[in-house]
Amino acid sequence: MKEGHDFALAPPRDEDTLPIGELVLGHVHDLPPLASLVPGLGVRAALGFVDDELAPRYGTHFPVGAMLFLRLVPQKMAPMSHMSM
C-alpha cells in the first residue's frame, strides 16, 4: 500500500491509501574469495501490480524492473578449536 502523497496527488487524495503490490525474485552466485572478501554476482527481477488509478502513471498495470549487482561480504572465519580458559 502507498499513500497518495507518494505519487504527488493533490489534496484530498494525498491522504488516500492506494493498493499496489510487487512480486520479486532474485539470486546471488558467490565467486571465489578475494583476500578476505567473497564477491557475489546477483540478479533481481520484479513484477508490479497497480490499480486502474495508478496505471497511467506507470504506463501499465504490471510494471517490471530488473537489476544486476555485485555483493561483497566478509569471508567466514575458521572455527577456533584450541581455545583454553
N, C-alpha and C. Protein backbone atom coordinates (compact mmCIF):
# COMPACT_ATOMS: atom_id res chain seq x y z
N MET A 1 0.83 -1.17 0.00
CA MET A 1 0.00 0.00 0.00
C MET A 1 0.89 1.25 0.00
N LYS A 2 0.48 2.22 -0.74
CA LYS A 2 1.15 3.52 -0.78
C LYS A 2 0.11 4.60 -0.56
N GLU A 3 0.56 5.73 -0.06
CA GLU A 3 -0.34 6.85 0.14
C GLU A 3 -0.26 7.79 -1.05
N GLY A 4 -1.33 8.56 -1.25
CA GLY A 4 -1.42 9.46 -2.39
C GLY A 4 -0.28 10.45 -2.49
N HIS A 5 0.24 10.91 -1.34
CA HIS A 5 1.35 11.88 -1.38
C HIS A 5 2.61 11.27 -1.97
N ASP A 6 2.75 9.92 -1.94
CA ASP A 6 3.90 9.25 -2.56
C ASP A 6 3.88 9.43 -4.08
N PHE A 7 2.69 9.71 -4.63
CA PHE A 7 2.54 9.89 -6.06
C PHE A 7 2.23 11.35 -6.42
N ALA A 8 2.43 12.25 -5.47
CA ALA A 8 2.19 13.69 -5.65
C ALA A 8 0.74 13.98 -6.04
N LEU A 9 -0.20 13.22 -5.48
CA LEU A 9 -1.61 13.50 -5.72
C LEU A 9 -2.02 14.72 -4.90
N ALA A 10 -2.90 15.52 -5.47
CA ALA A 10 -3.37 16.75 -4.80
C ALA A 10 -4.35 16.41 -3.68
N PRO A 11 -4.41 17.26 -2.65
CA PRO A 11 -5.40 17.07 -1.59
C PRO A 11 -6.81 17.08 -2.19
N PRO A 12 -7.73 16.32 -1.69
CA PRO A 12 -7.64 15.45 -0.52
C PRO A 12 -7.11 14.06 -0.83
N ARG A 13 -6.77 13.77 -2.09
CA ARG A 13 -6.29 12.43 -2.48
C ARG A 13 -4.91 12.10 -1.90
N ASP A 14 -4.16 13.09 -1.43
CA ASP A 14 -2.81 12.84 -0.93
C ASP A 14 -2.81 11.97 0.34
N GLU A 15 -3.95 11.87 1.03
CA GLU A 15 -4.04 11.04 2.24
C GLU A 15 -4.65 9.66 1.95
N ASP A 16 -5.11 9.42 0.73
CA ASP A 16 -5.71 8.13 0.37
C ASP A 16 -4.66 7.03 0.34
N THR A 17 -5.07 5.83 0.73
CA THR A 17 -4.20 4.66 0.63
C THR A 17 -4.52 3.95 -0.68
N LEU A 18 -3.50 3.71 -1.48
CA LEU A 18 -3.69 3.12 -2.81
C LEU A 18 -3.06 1.72 -2.84
N PRO A 19 -3.78 0.74 -3.39
CA PRO A 19 -3.25 -0.63 -3.42
C PRO A 19 -2.22 -0.82 -4.52
N ILE A 20 -1.05 -1.28 -4.14
CA ILE A 20 -0.03 -1.70 -5.10
C ILE A 20 0.62 -2.96 -4.54
N GLY A 21 1.24 -3.73 -5.40
CA GLY A 21 1.92 -4.94 -4.96
C GLY A 21 3.10 -5.22 -5.86
N GLU A 22 3.94 -6.15 -5.42
CA GLU A 22 5.12 -6.48 -6.20
C GLU A 22 5.56 -7.90 -5.89
N LEU A 23 5.92 -8.63 -6.92
CA LEU A 23 6.50 -9.96 -6.80
C LEU A 23 7.96 -9.83 -7.20
N VAL A 24 8.87 -10.25 -6.32
CA VAL A 24 10.30 -10.08 -6.57
C VAL A 24 11.00 -11.43 -6.46
N LEU A 25 11.87 -11.71 -7.42
CA LEU A 25 12.71 -12.90 -7.40
C LEU A 25 14.16 -12.47 -7.58
N GLY A 26 15.06 -13.17 -6.92
CA GLY A 26 16.46 -12.82 -7.06
C GLY A 26 17.36 -14.00 -6.75
N HIS A 27 18.63 -13.85 -7.13
CA HIS A 27 19.62 -14.90 -6.88
C HIS A 27 21.00 -14.25 -6.80
N VAL A 28 21.84 -14.77 -5.92
CA VAL A 28 23.23 -14.34 -5.82
C VAL A 28 24.11 -15.58 -5.95
N HIS A 29 25.10 -15.49 -6.84
CA HIS A 29 26.07 -16.58 -7.02
C HIS A 29 27.41 -16.11 -6.46
N ASP A 30 27.90 -16.81 -5.43
CA ASP A 30 29.19 -16.46 -4.85
C ASP A 30 30.33 -16.83 -5.78
N LEU A 31 31.31 -15.94 -5.87
CA LEU A 31 32.52 -16.15 -6.68
C LEU A 31 33.66 -16.53 -5.75
N PRO A 32 34.81 -16.96 -6.29
CA PRO A 32 35.94 -17.31 -5.42
C PRO A 32 36.39 -16.11 -4.57
N PRO A 33 36.80 -16.38 -3.34
CA PRO A 33 37.21 -15.29 -2.43
C PRO A 33 38.37 -14.46 -2.98
N LEU A 34 38.34 -13.17 -2.65
CA LEU A 34 39.42 -12.24 -2.97
C LEU A 34 39.90 -11.66 -1.64
N ALA A 35 41.10 -12.04 -1.23
CA ALA A 35 41.63 -11.63 0.07
C ALA A 35 40.65 -12.08 1.14
N SER A 36 40.10 -11.17 1.93
CA SER A 36 39.17 -11.56 2.99
C SER A 36 37.71 -11.31 2.61
N LEU A 37 37.46 -11.06 1.32
CA LEU A 37 36.10 -10.81 0.85
C LEU A 37 35.63 -11.88 -0.12
N VAL A 38 34.32 -12.15 -0.08
CA VAL A 38 33.71 -13.08 -1.03
C VAL A 38 32.77 -12.25 -1.91
N PRO A 39 33.13 -12.08 -3.19
CA PRO A 39 32.23 -11.35 -4.09
C PRO A 39 31.08 -12.25 -4.54
N GLY A 40 29.98 -11.65 -4.84
CA GLY A 40 28.83 -12.38 -5.38
C GLY A 40 28.22 -11.58 -6.50
N LEU A 41 27.82 -12.26 -7.56
CA LEU A 41 27.15 -11.63 -8.69
C LEU A 41 25.68 -11.97 -8.58
N GLY A 42 24.82 -10.94 -8.59
CA GLY A 42 23.40 -11.18 -8.37
C GLY A 42 22.51 -10.56 -9.42
N VAL A 43 21.28 -11.05 -9.44
CA VAL A 43 20.26 -10.52 -10.33
C VAL A 43 18.96 -10.45 -9.53
N ARG A 44 18.15 -9.42 -9.83
CA ARG A 44 16.86 -9.23 -9.16
C ARG A 44 15.86 -8.82 -10.23
N ALA A 45 14.70 -9.45 -10.26
CA ALA A 45 13.64 -9.10 -11.20
C ALA A 45 12.36 -8.86 -10.41
N ALA A 46 11.56 -7.88 -10.85
CA ALA A 46 10.33 -7.54 -10.14
C ALA A 46 9.18 -7.35 -11.12
N LEU A 47 8.00 -7.78 -10.69
CA LEU A 47 6.76 -7.57 -11.42
C LEU A 47 5.80 -6.87 -10.48
N GLY A 48 5.37 -5.66 -10.85
CA GLY A 48 4.47 -4.89 -10.01
C GLY A 48 3.03 -5.06 -10.41
N PHE A 49 2.13 -4.70 -9.49
CA PHE A 49 0.70 -4.75 -9.72
C PHE A 49 0.11 -3.43 -9.23
N VAL A 50 -0.51 -2.66 -10.13
CA VAL A 50 -1.11 -1.38 -9.74
C VAL A 50 -2.57 -1.34 -10.21
N ASP A 51 -3.40 -0.56 -9.52
CA ASP A 51 -4.81 -0.47 -9.87
C ASP A 51 -5.03 0.49 -11.05
N ASP A 52 -6.28 0.62 -11.44
CA ASP A 52 -6.63 1.45 -12.60
C ASP A 52 -6.22 2.90 -12.43
N GLU A 53 -6.30 3.43 -11.22
CA GLU A 53 -5.98 4.83 -10.99
C GLU A 53 -4.48 5.12 -11.18
N LEU A 54 -3.63 4.16 -10.84
CA LEU A 54 -2.19 4.37 -10.93
C LEU A 54 -1.58 3.91 -12.25
N ALA A 55 -2.30 3.09 -13.00
CA ALA A 55 -1.76 2.56 -14.26
C ALA A 55 -1.29 3.65 -15.21
N PRO A 56 -2.00 4.78 -15.36
CA PRO A 56 -1.49 5.83 -16.26
C PRO A 56 -0.14 6.40 -15.81
N ARG A 57 0.13 6.44 -14.51
CA ARG A 57 1.41 6.96 -14.02
C ARG A 57 2.56 5.99 -14.32
N TYR A 58 2.25 4.68 -14.35
CA TYR A 58 3.27 3.66 -14.63
C TYR A 58 3.30 3.29 -16.11
N GLY A 59 2.20 3.58 -16.83
CA GLY A 59 2.12 3.20 -18.24
C GLY A 59 1.61 1.80 -18.44
N THR A 60 1.28 1.09 -17.36
CA THR A 60 0.80 -0.28 -17.43
C THR A 60 0.23 -0.67 -16.06
N HIS A 61 -0.53 -1.76 -16.05
CA HIS A 61 -0.99 -2.33 -14.78
C HIS A 61 0.08 -3.22 -14.15
N PHE A 62 1.07 -3.61 -14.95
CA PHE A 62 2.10 -4.56 -14.50
C PHE A 62 3.51 -4.03 -14.81
N PRO A 63 3.99 -3.04 -14.07
CA PRO A 63 5.35 -2.55 -14.32
C PRO A 63 6.39 -3.61 -13.96
N VAL A 64 7.46 -3.65 -14.73
CA VAL A 64 8.53 -4.62 -14.49
C VAL A 64 9.85 -3.88 -14.28
N GLY A 65 10.76 -4.55 -13.61
CA GLY A 65 12.09 -4.00 -13.38
C GLY A 65 13.10 -5.12 -13.20
N ALA A 66 14.36 -4.80 -13.43
CA ALA A 66 15.43 -5.78 -13.26
C ALA A 66 16.70 -5.05 -12.83
N MET A 67 17.56 -5.78 -12.16
CA MET A 67 18.81 -5.18 -11.68
C MET A 67 19.88 -6.27 -11.58
N LEU A 68 21.08 -5.93 -12.01
CA LEU A 68 22.27 -6.75 -11.78
C LEU A 68 23.09 -6.05 -10.70
N PHE A 69 23.72 -6.82 -9.82
CA PHE A 69 24.51 -6.19 -8.77
C PHE A 69 25.69 -7.07 -8.36
N LEU A 70 26.66 -6.43 -7.73
CA LEU A 70 27.83 -7.10 -7.17
C LEU A 70 27.76 -6.95 -5.66
N ARG A 71 27.91 -8.06 -4.95
CA ARG A 71 27.86 -8.04 -3.49
C ARG A 71 29.23 -8.44 -2.95
N LEU A 72 29.67 -7.76 -1.90
CA LEU A 72 30.92 -8.10 -1.22
C LEU A 72 30.60 -8.38 0.25
N VAL A 73 30.96 -9.56 0.72
CA VAL A 73 30.75 -9.91 2.13
C VAL A 73 32.06 -10.44 2.71
N PRO A 74 32.27 -10.30 4.01
CA PRO A 74 33.49 -10.84 4.63
C PRO A 74 33.50 -12.36 4.54
N GLN A 75 34.69 -12.89 4.35
CA GLN A 75 34.85 -14.34 4.31
C GLN A 75 34.59 -14.91 5.70
N LYS A 76 33.97 -16.10 5.77
CA LYS A 76 33.70 -16.73 7.05
C LYS A 76 35.00 -17.08 7.74
N MET A 77 35.02 -16.86 9.05
CA MET A 77 36.20 -17.20 9.84
C MET A 77 36.22 -18.68 10.15
N ALA A 78 37.39 -19.27 10.20
CA ALA A 78 37.53 -20.67 10.56
C ALA A 78 37.22 -20.83 12.04
N PRO A 79 36.57 -21.92 12.44
CA PRO A 79 36.27 -22.12 13.86
C PRO A 79 37.56 -22.28 14.66
N MET A 80 37.56 -21.76 15.87
CA MET A 80 38.72 -21.86 16.75
C MET A 80 38.54 -23.09 17.62
N SER A 81 39.37 -24.11 17.41
CA SER A 81 39.17 -25.39 18.11
C SER A 81 40.07 -25.57 19.32
N HIS A 82 41.10 -24.75 19.50
CA HIS A 82 42.04 -24.97 20.60
C HIS A 82 42.05 -23.77 21.55
N MET A 83 40.89 -23.38 22.00
CA MET A 83 40.82 -22.28 22.94
C MET A 83 40.91 -22.82 24.37
N SER A 84 41.71 -22.18 25.18
CA SER A 84 41.80 -22.59 26.59
C SER A 84 41.28 -21.45 27.47
N MET A 85 40.78 -21.84 28.63
CA MET A 85 40.25 -20.83 29.54
C MET A 85 41.05 -20.79 30.81
